[in-house]
C-alpha cells in the first residue's frame, strides 16, 4: 500500500478517492503519471492519489471558501 498523502485523512478516503479515479481512467481519462502499457487502472489511480496528483474536492469546503475569495477580489 502507498503512503497516505497529508490531505487524505484516512485509508478509507484514500481507497474511495483511488476508486473514483480508477473509474475515470477506465472511461478514458489520461493518466497523470507515466505508465507502462499494461498497468491496471487501479494501480495507476493509487499512485496518482499517493503522489498528490489527485486532489479531493469537497463541495462544502469549496462553498465555505468562496465568500472569502470574493471578499479579497
Protein backbone atom coordinates (compact mmCIF):
# COMPACT_ATOMS: atom_id res chain seq x y z
CA UNK A 1 0.00 0.00 0.00
CA UNK A 2 1.10 3.54 -0.66
CA UNK A 3 1.83 6.14 1.99
CA UNK A 4 -1.14 8.40 2.65
CA UNK A 5 -0.77 12.00 1.46
CA UNK A 6 -1.22 14.71 4.07
CA UNK A 7 -4.53 15.92 2.64
CA UNK A 8 -6.13 12.44 2.88
CA UNK A 9 -7.39 11.87 6.42
CA UNK A 10 -7.55 8.06 6.46
CA UNK A 11 -7.09 4.93 4.38
CA UNK A 12 -10.80 4.67 3.63
CA UNK A 13 -10.78 8.09 1.99
CA UNK A 14 -7.65 7.05 0.07
CA UNK A 15 -9.36 3.92 -1.26
CA UNK A 16 -12.54 5.80 -2.17
CA UNK A 17 -10.61 8.52 -3.98
CA UNK A 18 -8.45 5.98 -5.82
CA UNK A 19 -11.57 4.01 -6.83
CA UNK A 20 -13.19 7.12 -8.27
CA UNK A 21 -10.02 8.00 -10.15
CA UNK A 22 -9.68 4.41 -11.45
CA UNK A 23 -13.21 4.67 -12.83
CA UNK A 24 -12.22 7.87 -14.64
CA UNK A 25 -9.17 6.14 -16.09
CA UNK A 26 -11.28 3.23 -17.28
CA UNK A 27 -13.62 5.68 -19.01
CA UNK A 28 -10.68 7.14 -20.96
CA UNK A 29 -9.11 9.84 -18.78
CA UNK A 30 -5.38 10.32 -19.25
CA UNK A 31 -3.06 9.15 -16.52
CA UNK A 32 -1.20 11.87 -14.62
CA UNK A 33 1.84 9.64 -14.06
CA UNK A 34 3.95 7.77 -16.58
CA UNK A 35 2.55 4.31 -17.02
CA UNK A 36 3.60 1.10 -18.67
CA UNK A 37 1.24 -0.18 -21.32
CA UNK A 38 -0.27 -2.97 -19.24
CA UNK A 39 -0.69 -1.36 -15.81
CA UNK A 40 -4.11 -1.70 -14.28
CA UNK A 41 -6.14 1.50 -13.80
CA UNK A 42 -6.50 0.72 -10.08
CA UNK A 43 -2.71 0.70 -9.60
CA UNK A 44 -2.28 3.90 -11.61
CA UNK A 45 -5.04 5.60 -9.60
CA UNK A 46 -3.46 4.61 -6.28
CA UNK A 47 -0.12 6.01 -7.42
CA UNK A 48 -1.74 9.27 -8.52
CA UNK A 49 -3.52 9.70 -5.20
CA UNK A 50 -0.40 8.78 -3.20
CA UNK A 51 1.75 11.33 -5.04
CA UNK A 52 -0.84 14.06 -4.53
CA UNK A 53 -1.79 14.42 -8.19
CA UNK A 54 -5.46 13.78 -7.42
CA UNK A 55 -6.99 16.35 -5.12
CA UNK A 56 -10.08 15.62 -3.07
CA UNK A 57 -12.81 18.09 -3.94
CA UNK A 58 -15.23 18.79 -1.11
CA UNK A 59 -18.22 20.88 -2.26
CA UNK A 60 -18.97 22.06 1.28
CA UNK A 61 -15.40 23.28 1.76
CA UNK A 62 -15.46 24.95 -1.67
CA UNK A 63 -18.63 26.87 -0.80
CA UNK A 64 -17.17 27.97 2.53
CA UNK A 65 -14.03 29.33 0.81
CA UNK A 66 -15.95 31.07 -1.98
CA UNK A 67 -17.15 34.10 0.07
CA UNK A 68 -13.63 34.61 1.44
CA UNK A 69 -12.21 34.71 -2.09
CA UNK A 70 -14.88 37.17 -3.23
CA UNK A 71 -14.10 39.49 -0.32
CA UNK A 72 -10.42 39.59 -1.30
CA UNK A 73 -11.00 40.22 -5.01
